[in-house]
Amino acid sequence: MIAPDVIEAIERATVAAVAPRSTVEFGGWLIAIDPGTIRRAASAAPLRHDLPGDPATLDAIEAAFAVHGMAPAFRLCDDPRLDGVRAELIRRGYGFQQPTLVEIADVADMRRVSAAEPAAVLAKPDDGWAAVFTGEGFDPVDGANRVAALSRSPDAAYGAVREGDLTLAVGVAAFGHGWASVHGMRTDRSRRGEGLAGRVLAGLAQAAAERGIERVFLQVEEGNAPARALYARAGFTPAWRYFYWSRS
């Protein structure tokens, strides 16, 4: 079982990295409110995995979204201690989708994932870095939202594998609450399978190590087998699984 302080640190670091327009805390929940397409930046998550399904608390969370003209959404670990929350959400007409894993690793293990030259690390994203998010095969609206959000991260490093003037693979490491967290891993469709993502992870791990950070986490959709295989080679192991809850 993951320690409560680790859960809280990861949840706070997750929200900080995607930099929602507004955050609210209420009754042990961290509520991220943002009109963009990043679900982690537009959902409420518990800071502990043993909160009760208190109707008044859920009322307040729904009201916080309503003030901003947004539909309420929850990001809820499937820990059985949260069964009361799930039962109350079902009673209110919510359903769940998109099973996602929170995975944890040591920075040193992530650095060893690639023997090739690590990705370059930028202090700020540039046009080439951003262009990967809107390239062929990626949703341009979602990509633009992610570039904007990750560019607002309060403390981050931006990995980029380049070949001449072309940027081929990118990722972000955000730093906070004692952790590094990996976000925005993207590789040009025409260059997948060449180990470029591993080089991005290695570059980001190096940036984390230079800051004295030893622990790293990321979040990956459960059904994304290629990404999960890469992350397993980098030493990541699942810590918990969550679903997004919303009304259809």
Protein backbone atom coordinates (compact mmCIF):
# COMPACT_ATOMS: atom_id res chain seq x y z
CA MET A 1 0.00 0.00 0.00
CA ILE A 2 1.31 3.44 -0.94
CA ALA A 3 1.96 5.75 2.01
CA PRO A 4 -0.51 8.62 2.43
CA ASP A 5 2.19 11.29 2.17
CA VAL A 6 3.35 9.81 -1.14
CA ILE A 7 -0.21 9.85 -2.52
CA GLU A 8 -0.67 13.50 -1.56
CA ALA A 9 2.70 14.55 -2.97
CA ILE A 10 2.03 12.83 -6.30
CA GLU A 11 -1.45 14.31 -6.62
CA ARG A 12 -0.21 17.80 -5.87
CA ALA A 13 2.72 17.41 -8.26
CA THR A 14 0.39 16.08 -10.97
CA VAL A 15 -1.86 19.12 -10.85
CA ALA A 16 1.04 21.58 -10.61
CA ALA A 17 2.65 20.10 -13.73
CA VAL A 18 -0.43 20.61 -15.93
CA ALA A 19 -0.94 24.11 -14.52
CA PRO A 20 -4.75 24.49 -14.52
CA ARG A 21 -6.19 27.98 -14.58
CA SER A 22 -7.58 27.52 -11.07
CA THR A 23 -7.30 25.07 -8.18
CA VAL A 24 -9.51 24.64 -5.13
CA GLU A 25 -9.10 22.41 -2.07
CA PHE A 26 -12.07 21.14 -0.15
CA GLY A 27 -12.60 18.22 2.22
CA GLY A 28 -9.42 16.39 1.27
CA TRP A 29 -9.91 16.89 -2.47
CA LEU A 30 -7.74 18.83 -4.90
CA ILE A 31 -9.94 20.33 -7.61
CA ALA A 32 -8.28 21.35 -10.88
CA ILE A 33 -10.35 23.66 -13.07
CA ASP A 34 -9.30 24.40 -16.63
CA PRO A 35 -11.34 24.72 -19.85
CA GLY A 36 -8.77 22.89 -21.99
CA THR A 37 -8.59 19.28 -23.13
CA ILE A 38 -6.27 17.87 -20.44
CA ARG A 39 -8.46 15.81 -18.11
CA ARG A 40 -5.99 15.92 -15.23
CA ALA A 41 -6.31 19.71 -15.34
CA ALA A 42 -10.11 19.56 -15.24
CA SER A 43 -11.02 17.06 -12.55
CA ALA A 44 -11.11 16.59 -8.79
CA ALA A 45 -8.82 14.03 -7.17
CA PRO A 46 -8.66 12.84 -3.56
CA LEU A 47 -5.47 13.60 -1.67
CA ARG A 48 -5.99 10.37 0.29
CA HIS A 49 -7.38 7.01 -0.75
CA ASP A 50 -9.61 6.61 2.30
CA LEU A 51 -12.05 9.52 1.97
CA PRO A 52 -15.76 8.92 2.64
CA GLY A 53 -18.47 9.44 0.05
CA ASP A 54 -19.80 12.53 1.79
CA PRO A 55 -22.67 14.03 -0.26
CA ALA A 56 -22.03 17.57 1.02
CA THR A 57 -18.40 17.39 -0.09
CA LEU A 58 -19.37 16.18 -3.55
CA ASP A 59 -22.00 18.94 -3.72
CA ALA A 60 -19.27 21.50 -3.04
CA ILE A 61 -16.97 20.02 -5.69
CA GLU A 62 -19.77 20.10 -8.28
CA ALA A 63 -20.49 23.70 -7.34
CA ALA A 64 -16.83 24.66 -7.81
CA PHE A 65 -16.98 23.46 -11.41
CA ALA A 66 -20.35 25.10 -12.00
CA VAL A 67 -18.98 28.51 -11.00
CA HIS A 68 -16.63 28.23 -13.99
CA GLY A 69 -19.29 26.90 -16.34
CA MET A 70 -17.71 23.44 -16.44
CA ALA A 71 -19.17 19.97 -16.04
CA PRO A 72 -17.85 18.27 -12.91
CA ALA A 73 -15.36 15.43 -13.29
CA PHE A 74 -13.48 13.22 -10.86
CA ARG A 75 -10.18 11.33 -11.11
CA LEU A 76 -10.66 8.46 -8.70
CA CYS A 77 -8.31 5.67 -7.64
CA ASP A 78 -9.98 2.25 -7.59
CA ASP A 79 -8.86 1.59 -3.99
CA PRO A 80 -11.75 -0.17 -2.18
CA ARG A 81 -11.54 2.40 0.62
CA LEU A 82 -13.11 4.84 -1.86
CA ASP A 83 -16.12 2.61 -2.50
CA GLY A 84 -18.37 5.09 -0.70
CA VAL A 85 -17.35 7.85 -3.12
CA ARG A 86 -17.99 5.58 -6.10
CA ALA A 87 -21.41 4.61 -4.79
CA GLU A 88 -22.39 8.25 -4.37
CA LEU A 89 -21.13 9.15 -7.85
CA ILE A 90 -23.13 6.28 -9.37
CA ARG A 91 -26.20 7.48 -7.49
CA ARG A 92 -25.69 10.89 -9.10
CA GLY A 93 -25.52 9.45 -12.59
CA TYR A 94 -21.77 9.34 -13.15
CA GLY A 95 -19.99 6.70 -15.17
CA PHE A 96 -16.29 5.91 -15.43
CA GLN A 97 -13.81 5.48 -18.28
CA GLN A 98 -10.14 5.67 -19.30
CA PRO A 99 -8.31 3.41 -16.83
CA THR A 100 -4.94 5.00 -16.16
CA LEU A 101 -1.94 3.81 -14.16
CA VAL A 102 0.22 5.91 -11.89
CA GLU A 103 3.70 4.38 -12.09
CA ILE A 104 6.77 5.07 -9.95
CA ALA A 105 10.51 4.58 -10.56
CA ASP A 106 13.94 5.62 -9.36
CA VAL A 107 15.52 8.39 -11.41
CA ALA A 108 18.74 6.34 -11.68
CA ASP A 109 16.85 3.45 -13.31
CA MET A 110 15.12 5.79 -15.74
CA ARG A 111 18.50 7.21 -16.76
CA ARG A 112 19.70 3.72 -17.73
CA VAL A 113 16.81 3.03 -20.11
CA SER A 114 18.89 4.13 -23.12
CA ALA A 115 22.57 3.65 -23.91
CA ALA A 116 22.32 6.21 -26.72
CA GLU A 117 22.97 9.92 -26.31
CA PRO A 118 20.33 11.42 -24.01
CA ALA A 119 17.93 14.00 -25.36
CA ALA A 120 18.87 17.64 -25.15
CA VAL A 121 17.18 19.40 -22.25
CA LEU A 122 15.69 22.85 -22.72
CA ALA A 123 14.82 25.34 -20.01
CA LYS A 124 11.88 26.53 -22.12
CA PRO A 125 10.00 24.86 -24.97
CA ASP A 126 10.76 26.24 -28.42
CA ASP A 127 8.82 26.10 -31.70
CA GLY A 128 10.38 22.80 -32.76
CA TRP A 129 9.49 21.19 -29.45
CA ALA A 130 5.90 22.43 -29.67
CA ALA A 131 5.51 21.33 -33.29
CA VAL A 132 5.79 17.64 -32.38
CA PHE A 133 2.51 17.89 -30.44
CA THR A 134 0.60 19.08 -33.50
CA GLY A 135 2.31 16.88 -36.09
CA GLU A 136 0.72 14.16 -38.19
CA GLY A 137 -1.30 11.70 -36.14
CA PHE A 138 -1.91 14.03 -33.18
CA ASP A 139 -5.03 16.06 -32.45
CA PRO A 140 -3.92 19.67 -33.12
CA VAL A 141 -6.37 21.20 -30.63
CA ASP A 142 -5.35 18.82 -27.86
CA GLY A 143 -1.70 19.28 -28.80
CA ALA A 144 -1.94 23.05 -28.56
CA ASN A 145 -3.64 22.75 -25.17
CA ARG A 146 -0.88 20.49 -23.89
CA VAL A 147 1.88 22.75 -25.14
CA ALA A 148 0.25 25.74 -23.43
CA ALA A 149 -0.30 23.89 -20.14
CA LEU A 150 3.12 22.26 -19.95
CA SER A 151 4.77 25.56 -20.86
CA ARG A 152 3.16 27.04 -17.73
CA SER A 153 4.61 24.37 -15.41
CA PRO A 154 6.29 26.26 -12.56
CA ASP A 155 9.52 24.19 -12.63
CA ALA A 156 10.15 21.93 -15.60
CA ALA A 157 12.73 20.68 -18.10
CA TYR A 158 11.86 19.97 -21.72
CA GLY A 159 13.54 17.05 -23.46
CA ALA A 160 14.05 17.04 -27.24
CA VAL A 161 15.74 14.63 -29.65
CA ARG A 162 16.80 16.53 -32.73
CA GLU A 163 18.22 15.68 -36.13
CA GLY A 164 19.43 18.82 -37.82
CA ASP A 165 16.59 21.33 -37.70
CA LEU A 166 13.97 18.66 -37.03
CA THR A 167 12.67 17.82 -33.56
CA LEU A 168 11.67 14.14 -33.56
CA ALA A 169 10.75 13.27 -29.97
CA VAL A 170 9.90 15.30 -26.90
CA GLY A 171 8.83 15.06 -23.27
CA VAL A 172 8.64 17.07 -20.06
CA ALA A 173 9.87 16.52 -16.54
CA ALA A 174 8.16 18.70 -13.95
CA PHE A 175 9.67 19.03 -10.48
CA GLY A 176 7.78 19.53 -7.26
CA HIS A 177 6.84 18.07 -3.88
CA GLY A 178 10.03 16.00 -3.85
CA TRP A 179 9.30 14.27 -7.16
CA ALA A 180 10.04 14.48 -10.84
CA SER A 181 7.06 13.68 -13.05
CA VAL A 182 7.11 12.79 -16.75
CA HIS A 183 4.50 14.27 -19.09
CA GLY A 184 3.91 14.94 -22.76
CA MET A 185 5.92 12.10 -24.26
CA ARG A 186 5.56 12.38 -28.05
CA THR A 187 7.51 10.91 -30.99
CA ASP A 188 7.11 11.79 -34.66
CA ARG A 189 5.03 8.99 -36.22
CA SER A 190 7.58 8.35 -38.96
CA ARG A 191 10.38 7.71 -36.44
CA ARG A 192 8.74 5.48 -33.86
CA GLY A 193 10.51 2.28 -32.90
CA GLU A 194 13.98 3.84 -33.04
CA GLY A 195 14.48 4.28 -29.31
CA LEU A 196 13.96 8.04 -29.38
CA ALA A 197 11.50 8.04 -26.47
CA GLY A 198 14.07 6.21 -24.35
CA ARG A 199 16.56 8.97 -25.10
CA VAL A 200 13.99 11.54 -23.97
CA LEU A 201 13.49 9.67 -20.69
CA ALA A 202 17.26 9.46 -20.18
CA GLY A 203 17.68 13.21 -20.76
CA LEU A 204 14.87 14.06 -18.36
CA ALA A 205 16.31 11.68 -15.74
CA GLN A 206 19.65 13.44 -16.04
CA ALA A 207 17.93 16.79 -15.45
CA ALA A 208 16.19 15.38 -12.37
CA ALA A 209 19.43 13.93 -10.98
CA GLU A 210 21.14 17.29 -11.40
CA ARG A 211 18.46 18.73 -9.12
CA GLY A 212 19.08 16.00 -6.53
CA ILE A 213 15.69 14.36 -7.16
CA GLU A 214 15.67 10.57 -6.81
CA ARG A 215 12.02 9.62 -7.39
CA VAL A 216 9.93 9.95 -10.53
CA PHE A 217 6.37 9.11 -11.51
CA LEU A 218 4.25 9.20 -14.64
CA GLN A 219 0.74 8.35 -15.72
CA VAL A 220 -0.07 6.09 -18.65
CA GLU A 221 -3.33 4.72 -20.01
CA GLU A 222 -3.66 1.07 -19.07
CA GLY A 223 -4.29 0.01 -22.66
CA ASN A 224 -1.19 1.72 -24.09
CA ALA A 225 0.96 -1.40 -24.33
CA PRO A 226 3.95 0.12 -26.21
CA ALA A 227 4.32 2.97 -23.72
CA ARG A 228 3.95 0.65 -20.76
CA ALA A 229 6.66 -1.63 -22.15
CA LEU A 230 9.04 1.32 -22.50
CA TYR A 231 8.30 2.51 -18.99
CA ALA A 232 8.82 -0.98 -17.58
CA ARG A 233 12.29 -1.02 -19.16
CA ALA A 234 12.91 2.30 -17.43
CA GLY A 235 12.10 0.73 -14.05
CA PHE A 236 8.53 1.98 -13.61
CA THR A 237 6.08 -0.15 -11.65
CA PRO A 238 2.35 0.53 -11.07
CA ALA A 239 1.43 2.26 -7.81
CA TRP A 240 -2.32 2.60 -8.35
CA ARG A 241 -4.96 2.81 -11.05
CA TYR A 242 -7.60 5.48 -11.49
CA PHE A 243 -10.60 6.17 -13.71
CA TYR A 244 -12.20 9.41 -14.82
CA TRP A 245 -15.76 9.82 -13.62
CA SER A 246 -18.22 12.10 -15.42
CA ARG A 247 -21.83 12.29 -16.48
CA SER A 248 -22.52 11.24 -20.06
